[in-house]
């Protein structure tokens, strides 16, 4: 499997777990905080199992800065969908414009300036 496909695929999967660990409990505000923390940690473990190999295998093909940029763009994309589909929250024009600026920043990271 090509390194970019493997790296990005693992980063997408890891972000699905982390988004669920960080924000999934917001629908269950009556749950005790200790239980929420423990469940979130259990959900986060698979995130690390996917994230670490993604960065290990992707580094060399991508720089560390590029890997972090890819992760942030994926994270925002997954979060936007999660927020809308799972939490039922809408994104306004200001959110979309802010995400567009972040995407522009990602383009700057990947553009060869040399």
PDB file of N, CA and C in Angstrom:
ATOM      1  N   UNK A   1       0.858  -1.173   0.000  1.00  0.00           N
ATOM      2  CA  UNK A   1       0.000   0.000   0.000  1.00  0.00           C
ATOM      3  C   UNK A   1       0.907   1.241   0.000  1.00  0.00           C
ATOM      4  N   UNK A   2       0.602   2.227  -0.827  1.00  0.00           N
ATOM      5  CA  UNK A   2       1.426   3.438  -0.857  1.00  0.00           C
ATOM      6  C   UNK A   2       1.433   4.155   0.496  1.00  0.00           C
ATOM      7  N   UNK A   3       2.588   4.682   0.860  1.00  0.00           N
ATOM      8  CA  UNK A   3       2.760   5.347   2.157  1.00  0.00           C
ATOM      9  C   UNK A   3       1.723   6.446   2.397  1.00  0.00           C
ATOM     10  N   UNK A   4       1.446   7.330   1.429  1.00  0.00           N
ATOM     11  CA  UNK A   4       0.445   8.370   1.705  1.00  0.00           C
ATOM     12  C   UNK A   4      -0.941   7.802   2.002  1.00  0.00           C
ATOM     13  N   UNK A   5      -1.343   6.763   1.292  1.00  0.00           N
ATOM     14  CA  UNK A   5      -2.659   6.153   1.507  1.00  0.00           C
ATOM     15  C   UNK A   5      -2.717   5.512   2.891  1.00  0.00           C
ATOM     16  N   UNK A   6      -1.675   4.769   3.242  1.00  0.00           N
ATOM     17  CA  UNK A   6      -1.615   4.118   4.554  1.00  0.00           C
ATOM     18  C   UNK A   6      -1.619   5.157   5.670  1.00  0.00           C
ATOM     19  N   UNK A   7      -0.781   6.169   5.533  1.00  0.00           N
ATOM     20  CA  UNK A   7      -0.662   7.204   6.570  1.00  0.00           C
ATOM     21  C   UNK A   7      -1.975   7.950   6.763  1.00  0.00           C
ATOM     22  N   UNK A   8      -2.546   8.416   5.679  1.00  0.00           N
ATOM     23  CA  UNK A   8      -3.788   9.200   5.773  1.00  0.00           C
ATOM     24  C   UNK A   8      -4.946   8.326   6.248  1.00  0.00           C
ATOM     25  N   UNK A   9      -5.003   7.094   5.790  1.00  0.00           N
ATOM     26  CA  UNK A   9      -6.051   6.178   6.252  1.00  0.00           C
ATOM     27  C   UNK A   9      -5.979   5.938   7.748  1.00  0.00           C
ATOM     28  N   UNK A  10      -4.761   5.701   8.261  1.00  0.00           N
ATOM     29  CA  UNK A  10      -4.597   5.501   9.703  1.00  0.00           C
ATOM     30  C   UNK A  10      -4.919   6.770  10.481  1.00  0.00           C
ATOM     31  N   UNK A  11      -4.542   7.926   9.936  1.00  0.00           N
ATOM     32  CA  UNK A  11      -4.849   9.183  10.623  1.00  0.00           C
ATOM     33  C   UNK A  11      -6.351   9.449  10.668  1.00  0.00           C
ATOM     34  N   UNK A  12      -7.054   9.108   9.612  1.00  0.00           N
ATOM     35  CA  UNK A  12      -8.517   9.264   9.616  1.00  0.00           C
ATOM     36  C   UNK A  12      -9.127   8.355  10.679  1.00  0.00           C
ATOM     37  N   UNK A  13      -8.712   7.085  10.686  1.00  0.00           N
ATOM     38  CA  UNK A  13      -9.254   6.143  11.669  1.00  0.00           C
ATOM     39  C   UNK A  13      -8.934   6.589  13.099  1.00  0.00           C
ATOM     40  N   UNK A  14      -7.707   7.042  13.319  1.00  0.00           N
ATOM     41  CA  UNK A  14      -7.343   7.469  14.676  1.00  0.00           C
ATOM     42  C   UNK A  14      -8.152   8.681  15.109  1.00  0.00           C
ATOM     43  N   UNK A  15      -8.424   9.586  14.186  1.00  0.00           N
ATOM     44  CA  UNK A  15      -9.210  10.772  14.527  1.00  0.00           C
ATOM     45  C   UNK A  15     -10.668  10.441  14.815  1.00  0.00           C
ATOM     46  N   UNK A  16     -11.197   9.408  14.191  1.00  0.00           N
ATOM     47  CA  UNK A  16     -12.559   8.975  14.519  1.00  0.00           C
ATOM     48  C   UNK A  16     -12.635   8.560  15.983  1.00  0.00           C
ATOM     49  N   UNK A  17     -11.644   7.785  16.429  1.00  0.00           N
ATOM     50  CA  UNK A  17     -11.620   7.364  17.833  1.00  0.00           C
ATOM     51  C   UNK A  17     -11.425   8.558  18.761  1.00  0.00           C
ATOM     52  N   UNK A  18     -10.484   9.432  18.446  1.00  0.00           N
ATOM     53  CA  UNK A  18     -10.188  10.530  19.360  1.00  0.00           C
ATOM     54  C   UNK A  18     -11.348  11.509  19.453  1.00  0.00           C
ATOM     55  N   UNK A  19     -12.003  11.770  18.342  1.00  0.00           N
ATOM     56  CA  UNK A  19     -13.158  12.667  18.375  1.00  0.00           C
ATOM     57  C   UNK A  19     -14.257  12.071  19.242  1.00  0.00           C
ATOM     58  N   UNK A  20     -14.480  10.783  19.109  1.00  0.00           N
ATOM     59  CA  UNK A  20     -15.478  10.119  19.954  1.00  0.00           C
ATOM     60  C   UNK A  20     -15.065  10.170  21.425  1.00  0.00           C
ATOM     61  N   UNK A  21     -13.783   9.959  21.705  1.00  0.00           N
ATOM     62  CA  UNK A  21     -13.305  10.003  23.095  1.00  0.00           C
ATOM     63  C   UNK A  21     -13.445  11.404  23.684  1.00  0.00           C
ATOM     64  N   UNK A  22     -13.132  12.419  22.918  1.00  0.00           N
ATOM     65  CA  UNK A  22     -13.157  13.787  23.443  1.00  0.00           C
ATOM     66  C   UNK A  22     -14.549  14.384  23.522  1.00  0.00           C
ATOM     67  N   UNK A  23     -15.420  14.053  22.562  1.00  0.00           N
ATOM     68  CA  UNK A  23     -16.700  14.750  22.464  1.00  0.00           C
ATOM     69  C   UNK A  23     -17.926  13.850  22.557  1.00  0.00           C
ATOM     70  N   UNK A  24     -17.765  12.545  22.474  1.00  0.00           N
ATOM     71  CA  UNK A  24     -18.907  11.643  22.497  1.00  0.00           C
ATOM     72  C   UNK A  24     -19.720  11.711  23.772  1.00  0.00           C
ATOM     73  N   UNK A  25     -19.067  12.002  24.870  1.00  0.00           N
ATOM     74  CA  UNK A  25     -19.743  12.044  26.166  1.00  0.00           C
ATOM     75  C   UNK A  25     -20.654  13.258  26.326  1.00  0.00           C
ATOM     76  N   UNK A  26     -20.564  14.222  25.429  1.00  0.00           N
ATOM     77  CA  UNK A  26     -21.368  15.437  25.571  1.00  0.00           C
ATOM     78  C   UNK A  26     -22.870  15.163  25.476  1.00  0.00           C
ATOM     79  N   UNK A  27     -23.242  14.033  24.888  1.00  0.00           N
ATOM     80  CA  UNK A  27     -24.658  13.656  24.848  1.00  0.00           C
ATOM     81  C   UNK A  27     -25.111  13.018  26.159  1.00  0.00           C
ATOM     82  N   UNK A  28     -24.172  12.732  27.043  1.00  0.00           N
ATOM     83  CA  UNK A  28     -24.483  12.006  28.278  1.00  0.00           C
ATOM     84  C   UNK A  28     -24.004  12.817  29.488  1.00  0.00           C
ATOM     85  N   UNK A  29     -24.537  14.006  29.643  1.00  0.00           N
ATOM     86  CA  UNK A  29     -24.088  14.911  30.703  1.00  0.00           C
ATOM     87  C   UNK A  29     -24.439  14.402  32.096  1.00  0.00           C
ATOM     88  N   UNK A  30     -25.376  13.470  32.205  1.00  0.00           N
ATOM     89  CA  UNK A  30     -25.742  12.935  33.513  1.00  0.00           C
ATOM     90  C   UNK A  30     -24.764  11.861  33.983  1.00  0.00           C
ATOM     91  N   UNK A  31     -23.928  11.368  33.072  1.00  0.00           N
ATOM     92  CA  UNK A  31     -22.963  10.331  33.451  1.00  0.00           C
ATOM     93  C   UNK A  31     -21.915  10.921  34.398  1.00  0.00           C
ATOM     94  N   UNK A  32     -21.505  10.145  35.387  1.00  0.00           N
ATOM     95  CA  UNK A  32     -20.479  10.637  36.322  1.00  0.00           C
ATOM     96  C   UNK A  32     -19.173  10.936  35.584  1.00  0.00           C
ATOM     97  N   UNK A  33     -18.511  11.997  35.981  1.00  0.00           N
ATOM     98  CA  UNK A  33     -17.305  12.440  35.285  1.00  0.00           C
ATOM     99  C   UNK A  33     -16.210  11.376  35.306  1.00  0.00           C
ATOM    100  N   UNK A  34     -16.070  10.646  36.404  1.00  0.00           N
ATOM    101  CA  UNK A  34     -15.042   9.603  36.461  1.00  0.00           C
ATOM    102  C   UNK A  34     -15.321   8.513  35.432  1.00  0.00           C
ATOM    103  N   UNK A  35     -16.577   8.129  35.295  1.00  0.00           N
ATOM    104  CA  UNK A  35     -16.942   7.129  34.284  1.00  0.00           C
ATOM    105  C   UNK A  35     -16.650   7.647  32.884  1.00  0.00           C
ATOM    106  N   UNK A  36     -16.965   8.909  32.652  1.00  0.00           N
ATOM    107  CA  UNK A  36     -16.709   9.517  31.344  1.00  0.00           C
ATOM    108  C   UNK A  36     -15.212   9.511  31.042  1.00  0.00           C
ATOM    109  N   UNK A  37     -14.411   9.851  32.034  1.00  0.00           N
ATOM    110  CA  UNK A  37     -12.955   9.866  31.834  1.00  0.00           C
ATOM    111  C   UNK A  37     -12.442   8.467  31.517  1.00  0.00           C
ATOM    112  N   UNK A  38     -12.880   7.480  32.271  1.00  0.00           N
ATOM    113  CA  UNK A  38     -12.413   6.107  32.053  1.00  0.00           C
ATOM    114  C   UNK A  38     -12.836   5.579  30.686  1.00  0.00           C
ATOM    115  N   UNK A  39     -14.070   5.802  30.315  1.00  0.00           N
ATOM    116  CA  UNK A  39     -14.543   5.346  28.998  1.00  0.00           C
ATOM    117  C   UNK A  39     -13.786   6.080  27.895  1.00  0.00           C
ATOM    118  N   UNK A  40     -13.560   7.376  28.078  1.00  0.00           N
ATOM    119  CA  UNK A  40     -12.824   8.145  27.077  1.00  0.00           C
ATOM    120  C   UNK A  40     -11.400   7.616  26.911  1.00  0.00           C
ATOM    121  N   UNK A  41     -10.761   7.255  28.009  1.00  0.00           N
ATOM    122  CA  UNK A  41      -9.413   6.695  27.925  1.00  0.00           C
ATOM    123  C   UNK A  41      -9.422   5.357  27.179  1.00  0.00           C
ATOM    124  N   UNK A  42     -10.453   4.554  27.414  1.00  0.00           N
ATOM    125  CA  UNK A  42     -10.540   3.271  26.713  1.00  0.00           C
ATOM    126  C   UNK A  42     -10.753   3.483  25.217  1.00  0.00           C
ATOM    127  N   UNK A  43     -11.501   4.504  24.854  1.00  0.00           N
ATOM    128  CA  UNK A  43     -11.725   4.816  23.435  1.00  0.00           C
ATOM    129  C   UNK A  43     -10.456   5.404  22.826  1.00  0.00           C
ATOM    130  N   UNK A  44      -9.693   6.152  23.627  1.00  0.00           N
ATOM    131  CA  UNK A  44      -8.487   6.802  23.120  1.00  0.00           C
ATOM    132  C   UNK A  44      -7.348   5.818  22.862  1.00  0.00           C
ATOM    133  N   UNK A  45      -7.330   4.691  23.541  1.00  0.00           N
ATOM    134  CA  UNK A  45      -6.247   3.730  23.330  1.00  0.00           C
ATOM    135  C   UNK A  45      -6.134   3.290  21.870  1.00  0.00           C
ATOM    136  N   UNK A  46      -7.229   2.889  21.216  1.00  0.00           N
ATOM    137  CA  UNK A  46      -7.105   2.541  19.796  1.00  0.00           C
ATOM    138  C   UNK A  46      -6.623   3.724  18.939  1.00  0.00           C
ATOM    139  N   UNK A  47      -6.924   4.940  19.373  1.00  0.00           N
ATOM    140  CA  UNK A  47      -6.444   6.107  18.634  1.00  0.00           C
ATOM    141  C   UNK A  47      -4.919   6.113  18.605  1.00  0.00           C
ATOM    142  N   UNK A  48      -4.302   5.854  19.739  1.00  0.00           N
ATOM    143  CA  UNK A  48      -2.840   5.828  19.798  1.00  0.00           C
ATOM    144  C   UNK A  48      -2.276   4.656  19.005  1.00  0.00           C
ATOM    145  N   UNK A  49      -2.976   3.524  19.038  1.00  0.00           N
ATOM    146  CA  UNK A  49      -2.531   2.344  18.298  1.00  0.00           C
ATOM    147  C   UNK A  49      -2.505   2.640  16.791  1.00  0.00           C
ATOM    148  N   UNK A  50      -3.353   3.542  16.336  1.00  0.00           N
ATOM    149  CA  UNK A  50      -3.386   3.921  14.922  1.00  0.00           C
ATOM    150  C   UNK A  50      -2.500   5.131  14.623  1.00  0.00           C
ATOM    151  N   UNK A  51      -2.489   6.094  15.521  1.00  0.00           N
ATOM    152  CA  UNK A  51      -1.758   7.354  15.304  1.00  0.00           C
ATOM    153  C   UNK A  51      -0.242   7.136  15.262  1.00  0.00           C
ATOM    154  N   UNK A  52       0.279   6.362  16.200  1.00  0.00           N
ATOM    155  CA  UNK A  52       1.733   6.180  16.275  1.00  0.00           C
ATOM    156  C   UNK A  52       2.276   5.511  15.012  1.00  0.00           C
ATOM    157  N   UNK A  53       1.690   4.416  14.538  1.00  0.00           N
ATOM    158  CA  UNK A  53       2.199   3.842  13.282  1.00  0.00           C
ATOM    159  C   UNK A  53       2.016   4.775  12.080  1.00  0.00           C
ATOM    160  N   UNK A  54       0.926   5.527  12.073  1.00  0.00           N
ATOM    161  CA  UNK A  54       0.721   6.468  10.958  1.00  0.00           C
ATOM    162  C   UNK A  54       1.880   7.451  10.885  1.00  0.00           C
ATOM    163  N   UNK A  55       2.262   7.996  12.031  1.00  0.00           N
ATOM    164  CA  UNK A  55       3.366   8.950  12.041  1.00  0.00           C
ATOM    165  C   UNK A  55       4.710   8.273  11.777  1.00  0.00           C
ATOM    166  N   UNK A  56       4.900   7.089  12.318  1.00  0.00           N
ATOM    167  CA  UNK A  56       6.157   6.365  12.120  1.00  0.00           C
ATOM    168  C   UNK A  56       6.357   6.030  10.646  1.00  0.00           C
ATOM    169  N   UNK A  57       5.310   5.455  10.025  1.00  0.00           N
ATOM    170  CA  UNK A  57       5.438   5.041   8.631  1.00  0.00           C
ATOM    171  C   UNK A  57       5.390   6.229   7.675  1.00  0.00           C
ATOM    172  N   UNK A  58       4.670   7.272   8.073  1.00  0.00           N
ATOM    173  CA  UNK A  58       4.545   8.428   7.192  1.00  0.00           C
ATOM    174  C   UNK A  58       5.745   9.353   7.212  1.00  0.00           C
ATOM    175  N   UNK A  59       6.503   9.324   8.326  1.00  0.00           N
ATOM    176  CA  UNK A  59       7.661  10.216   8.438  1.00  0.00           C
ATOM    177  C   UNK A  59       8.769   9.737   7.508  1.00  0.00           C
ATOM    178  N   UNK A  60       9.279  10.650   6.761  1.00  0.00           N
ATOM    179  CA  UNK A  60      10.262  10.310   5.729  1.00  0.00           C
ATOM    180  C   UNK A  60       9.656  10.620   4.369  1.00  0.00           C
ATOM    181  N   UNK A  61       8.426  10.131   4.190  1.00  0.00           N
ATOM    182  CA  UNK A  61       7.679  10.541   2.998  1.00  0.00           C
ATOM    183  C   UNK A  61       7.160  11.955   3.228  1.00  0.00           C
ATOM    184  N   UNK A  62       6.609  12.181   4.426  1.00  0.00           N
ATOM    185  CA  UNK A  62       6.151  13.501   4.856  1.00  0.00           C
ATOM    186  C   UNK A  62       7.101  14.003   5.940  1.00  0.00           C
ATOM    187  N   UNK A  63       7.246  15.298   6.057  1.00  0.00           N
ATOM    188  CA  UNK A  63       7.974  15.870   7.186  1.00  0.00           C
ATOM    189  C   UNK A  63       7.057  15.832   8.412  1.00  0.00           C
ATOM    190  N   UNK A  64       7.640  16.058   9.585  1.00  0.00           N
ATOM    191  CA  UNK A  64       6.825  16.106  10.805  1.00  0.00           C
ATOM    192  C   UNK A  64       5.782  17.216  10.724  1.00  0.00           C
ATOM    193  N   UNK A  65       6.167  18.361  10.168  1.00  0.00           N
ATOM    194  CA  UNK A  65       5.217  19.474  10.019  1.00  0.00           C
ATOM    195  C   UNK A  65       4.085  19.109   9.063  1.00  0.00           C
ATOM    196  N   UNK A  66       4.402  18.393   8.011  1.00  0.00           N
ATOM    197  CA  UNK A  66       3.355  17.956   7.079  1.00  0.00           C
ATOM    198  C   UNK A  66       2.434  16.939   7.732  1.00  0.00           C
ATOM    199  N   UNK A  67       3.001  16.006   8.504  1.00  0.00           N
ATOM    200  CA  UNK A  67       2.168  15.029   9.211  1.00  0.00           C
ATOM    201  C   UNK A  67       1.205  15.722  10.172  1.00  0.00           C
ATOM    202  N   UNK A  68       1.700  16.703  10.909  1.00  0.00           N
ATOM    203  CA  UNK A  68       0.849  17.422  11.848  1.00  0.00           C
ATOM    204  C   UNK A  68      -0.234  18.201  11.113  1.00  0.00           C
ATOM    205  N   UNK A  69       0.116  18.780   9.983  1.00  0.00           N
ATOM    206  CA  UNK A  69      -0.863  19.529   9.196  1.00  0.00           C
ATOM    207  C   UNK A  69      -1.945  18.600   8.664  1.00  0.00           C
ATOM    208  N   UNK A  70      -1.553  17.455   8.152  1.00  0.00           N
ATOM    209  CA  UNK A  70      -2.528  16.467   7.670  1.00  0.00           C
ATOM    210  C   UNK A  70      -3.456  16.071   8.816  1.00  0.00           C
ATOM    211  N   UNK A  71      -2.869  15.811   9.987  1.00  0.00           N
ATOM    212  CA  UNK A  71      -3.659  15.391  11.143  1.00  0.00           C
ATOM    213  C   UNK A  71      -4.660  16.476  11.535  1.00  0.00           C
ATOM    214  N   UNK A  72      -4.246  17.724  11.515  1.00  0.00           N
ATOM    215  CA  UNK A  72      -5.144  18.814  11.917  1.00  0.00           C
ATOM    216  C   UNK A  72      -6.292  18.995  10.922  1.00  0.00           C
ATOM    217  N   UNK A  73      -6.000  18.891   9.644  1.00  0.00           N
ATOM    218  CA  UNK A  73      -7.059  19.015   8.634  1.00  0.00           C
ATOM    219  C   UNK A  73      -8.047  17.855   8.767  1.00  0.00           C
ATOM    220  N   UNK A  74      -7.521  16.657   8.961  1.00  0.00           N
ATOM    221  CA  UNK A  74      -8.397  15.500   9.168  1.00  0.00           C
ATOM    222  C   UNK A  74      -9.213  15.689  10.448  1.00  0.00           C
ATOM    223  N   UNK A  75      -8.565  16.137  11.501  1.00  0.00           N
ATOM    224  CA  UNK A  75      -9.242  16.334  12.786  1.00  0.00           C
ATOM    225  C   UNK A  75     -10.405  17.310  12.659  1.00  0.00           C
ATOM    226  N   UNK A  76     -10.177  18.421  11.990  1.00  0.00           N
ATOM    227  CA  UNK A  76     -11.261  19.393  11.808  1.00  0.00           C
ATOM    228  C   UNK A  76     -12.384  18.833  10.937  1.00  0.00           C
ATOM    229  N   UNK A  77     -12.024  18.098   9.916  1.00  0.00           N
ATOM    230  CA  UNK A  77     -13.032  17.509   9.032  1.00  0.00           C
ATOM    231  C   UNK A  77     -13.883  16.491   9.774  1.00  0.00           C
ATOM    232  N   UNK A  78     -13.221  15.597  10.516  1.00  0.00           N
ATOM    233  CA  UNK A  78     -13.945  14.591  11.296  1.00  0.00           C
ATOM    234  C   UNK A  78     -14.811  15.277  12.348  1.00  0.00           C
ATOM    235  N   UNK A  79     -14.250  16.286  13.022  1.00  0.00           N
ATOM    236  CA  UNK A  79     -15.002  16.993  14.053  1.00  0.00           C
ATOM    237  C   UNK A  79     -16.240  17.677  13.471  1.00  0.00           C
ATOM    238  N   UNK A  80     -16.098  18.324  12.328  1.00  0.00           N
ATOM    239  CA  UNK A  80     -17.237  19.019  11.713  1.00  0.00           C
ATOM    240  C   UNK A  80     -18.362  18.031  11.418  1.00  0.00           C
ATOM    241  N   UNK A  81     -18.025  16.884  10.846  1.00  0.00           N
ATOM    242  CA  UNK A  81     -19.044  15.865  10.559  1.00  0.00           C
ATOM    243  C   UNK A  81     -19.633  15.296  11.848  1.00  0.00           C
ATOM    244  N   UNK A  82     -18.789  15.020  12.826  1.00  0.00           N
ATOM    245  CA  UNK A  82     -19.245  14.489  14.109  1.00  0.00           C
ATOM    246  C   UNK A  82     -20.177  15.466  14.802  1.00  0.00           C
ATOM    247  N   UNK A  83     -19.785  16.717  14.826  1.00  0.00           N
ATOM    248  CA  UNK A  83     -20.587  17.757  15.464  1.00  0.00           C
ATOM    249  C   UNK A  83     -21.964  17.851  14.825  1.00  0.00           C
ATOM    250  N   UNK A  84     -22.004  17.760  13.531  1.00  0.00           N
ATOM    251  CA  UNK A  84     -23.266  17.869  12.789  1.00  0.00           C
ATOM    252  C   UNK A  84     -24.096  16.593  12.908  1.00  0.00           C
ATOM    253  N   UNK A  85     -23.481  15.432  12.632  1.00  0.00           N
ATOM    254  CA  UNK A  85     -24.236  14.177  12.582  1.00  0.00           C
ATOM    255  C   UNK A  85     -24.548  13.598  13.966  1.00  0.00           C
ATOM    256  N   UNK A  86     -23.603  13.658  14.889  1.00  0.00           N
ATOM    257  CA  UNK A  86     -23.785  13.020  16.193  1.00  0.00           C
ATOM    258  C   UNK A  86     -24.369  13.977  17.230  1.00  0.00           C
ATOM    259  N   UNK A  87     -23.810  15.173  17.296  1.00  0.00           N
ATOM    260  CA  UNK A  87     -24.278  16.129  18.298  1.00  0.00           C
ATOM    261  C   UNK A  87     -25.444  16.980  17.815  1.00  0.00           C
ATOM    262  N   UNK A  88     -25.708  16.955  16.514  1.00  0.00           N
ATOM    263  CA  UNK A  88     -26.819  17.727  15.970  1.00  0.00           C
ATOM    264  C   UNK A  88     -26.580  19.226  15.967  1.00  0.00           C
ATOM    265  N   UNK A  89     -25.316  19.631  15.979  1.00  0.00           N
ATOM    266  CA  UNK A  89     -24.983  21.048  15.969  1.00  0.00           C
ATOM    267  C   UNK A  89     -24.688  21.490  14.537  1.00  0.00           C
ATOM    268  N   UNK A  90     -25.155  22.676  14.206  1.00  0.00           N
ATOM    269  CA  UNK A  90     -24.889  23.178  12.860  1.00  0.00           C
ATOM    270  C   UNK A  90     -23.625  24.026  12.867  1.00  0.00           C
ATOM    271  N   UNK A  91     -23.006  24.093  11.715  1.00  0.00           N
ATOM    272  CA  UNK A  91     -21.833  24.932  11.542  1.00  0.00           C
ATOM    273  C   UNK A  91     -22.247  26.176  10.780  1.00  0.00           C
ATOM    274  N   UNK A  92     -21.855  27.310  11.279  1.00  0.00           N
ATOM    275  CA  UNK A  92     -22.195  28.571  10.635  1.00  0.00           C
ATOM    276  C   UNK A  92     -21.156  28.986   9.612  1.00  0.00           C
ATOM    277  N   UNK A  93     -21.440  30.077   8.944  1.00  0.00           N
ATOM    278  CA  UNK A  93     -20.523  30.576   7.924  1.00  0.00           C
ATOM    279  C   UNK A  93     -19.166  30.914   8.536  1.00  0.00           C
ATOM    280  N   UNK A  94     -19.173  31.395   9.779  1.00  0.00           N
ATOM    281  CA  UNK A  94     -17.908  31.754  10.420  1.00  0.00           C
ATOM    282  C   UNK A  94     -17.039  30.528  10.681  1.00  0.00           C
ATOM    283  N   UNK A  95     -17.669  29.399  11.029  1.00  0.00           N
ATOM    284  CA  UNK A  95     -16.917  28.161  11.211  1.00  0.00           C
ATOM    285  C   UNK A  95     -16.317  27.726   9.879  1.00  0.00           C
ATOM    286  N   UNK A  96     -17.140  27.747   8.857  1.00  0.00           N
ATOM    287  CA  UNK A  96     -16.668  27.320   7.533  1.00  0.00           C
ATOM    288  C   UNK A  96     -15.551  28.222   7.025  1.00  0.00           C
ATOM    289  N   UNK A  97     -15.675  29.512   7.241  1.00  0.00           N
ATOM    290  CA  UNK A  97     -14.623  30.436   6.821  1.00  0.00           C
ATOM    291  C   UNK A  97     -13.345  30.187   7.625  1.00  0.00           C
ATOM    292  N   UNK A  98     -13.488  29.969   8.909  1.00  0.00           N
ATOM    293  CA  UNK A  98     -12.322  29.650   9.729  1.00  0.00           C
ATOM    294  C   UNK A  98     -11.634  28.382   9.274  1.00  0.00           C
ATOM    295  N   UNK A  99     -12.417  27.341   8.963  1.00  0.00           N
ATOM    296  CA  UNK A  99     -11.844  26.098   8.451  1.00  0.00           C
ATOM    297  C   UNK A  99     -11.168  26.334   7.101  1.00  0.00           C
ATOM    298  N   UNK A 100     -11.740  27.201   6.282  1.00  0.00           N
ATOM    299  CA  UNK A 100     -11.135  27.517   4.983  1.00  0.00           C
ATOM    300  C   UNK A 100      -9.769  28.179   5.173  1.00  0.00           C
ATOM    301  N   UNK A 101      -9.660  29.060   6.160  1.00  0.00           N
ATOM    302  CA  UNK A 101      -8.362  29.680   6.436  1.00  0.00           C
ATOM    303  C   UNK A 101      -7.339  28.636   6.906  1.00  0.00           C
ATOM    304  N   UNK A 102      -7.799  27.687   7.692  1.00  0.00           N
ATOM    305  CA  UNK A 102      -6.903  26.618   8.131  1.00  0.00           C
ATOM    306  C   UNK A 102      -6.466  25.781   6.930  1.00  0.00           C
ATOM    307  N   UNK A 103      -7.392  25.506   6.012  1.00  0.00           N
ATOM    308  CA  UNK A 103      -7.035  24.777   4.793  1.00  0.00           C
ATOM    309  C   UNK A 103      -6.024  25.567   3.967  1.00  0.00           C
ATOM    310  N   UNK A 104      -6.186  26.881   3.918  1.00  0.00           N
ATOM    311  CA  UNK A 104      -5.214  27.725   3.222  1.00  0.00           C
ATOM    312  C   UNK A 104      -3.841  27.607   3.887  1.00  0.00           C
ATOM    313  N   UNK A 105      -3.822  27.586   5.204  1.00  0.00           N
ATOM    314  CA  UNK A 105      -2.567  27.382   5.926  1.00  0.00           C
ATOM    315  C   UNK A 105      -1.937  26.046   5.576  1.00  0.00           C
ATOM    316  N   UNK A 106      -2.760  25.009   5.440  1.00  0.00           N
ATOM    317  CA  UNK A 106      -2.242  23.689   5.053  1.00  0.00           C
ATOM    318  C   UNK A 106      -1.616  23.750   3.658  1.00  0.00           C
ATOM    319  N   UNK A 107      -2.242  24.461   2.752  1.00  0.00           N
ATOM    320  CA  UNK A 107      -1.669  24.610   1.416  1.00  0.00           C
ATOM    321  C   UNK A 107      -0.305  25.285   1.481  1.00  0.00           C
ATOM    322  N   UNK A 108      -0.172  26.253   2.361  1.00  0.00           N
ATOM    323  CA  UNK A 108       1.118  26.932   2.513  1.00  0.00           C
ATOM    324  C   UNK A 108       2.195  25.970   3.018  1.00  0.00           C
ATOM    325  N   UNK A 109       1.816  25.062   3.906  1.00  0.00           N
ATOM    326  CA  UNK A 109       2.778  24.096   4.437  1.00  0.00           C
ATOM    327  C   UNK A 109       3.259  23.161   3.337  1.00  0.00           C
ATOM    328  N   UNK A 110       2.374  22.755   2.456  1.00  0.00           N
ATOM    329  CA  UNK A 110       2.721  21.769   1.437  1.00  0.00           C
ATOM    330  C   UNK A 110       3.290  22.361   0.156  1.00  0.00           C
ATOM    331  N   UNK A 111       3.193  23.643  -0.020  1.00  0.00           N
ATOM    332  CA  UNK A 111       3.719  24.272  -1.243  1.00  0.00           C
ATOM    333  C   UNK A 111       5.235  24.361  -1.160  1.00  0.00           C
ATOM    334  N   UNK A 112       5.919  23.877  -2.184  1.00  0.00           N
ATOM    335  CA  UNK A 112       7.371  24.017  -2.182  1.00  0.00           C
ATOM    336  C   UNK A 112       7.774  25.456  -2.462  1.00  0.00           C
ATOM    337  N   UNK A 113       8.464  26.086  -1.539  1.00  0.00           N
ATOM    338  CA  UNK A 113       8.821  27.506  -1.662  1.00  0.00           C
ATOM    339  C   UNK A 113      10.274  27.702  -2.086  1.00  0.00           C
ATOM    340  N   UNK A 114      11.017  26.605  -2.223  1.00  0.00           N
ATOM    341  CA  UNK A 114      12.443  26.701  -2.489  1.00  0.00           C
ATOM    342  C   UNK A 114      12.754  27.188  -3.845  1.00  0.00           C
TER     343      UNK A 114
END
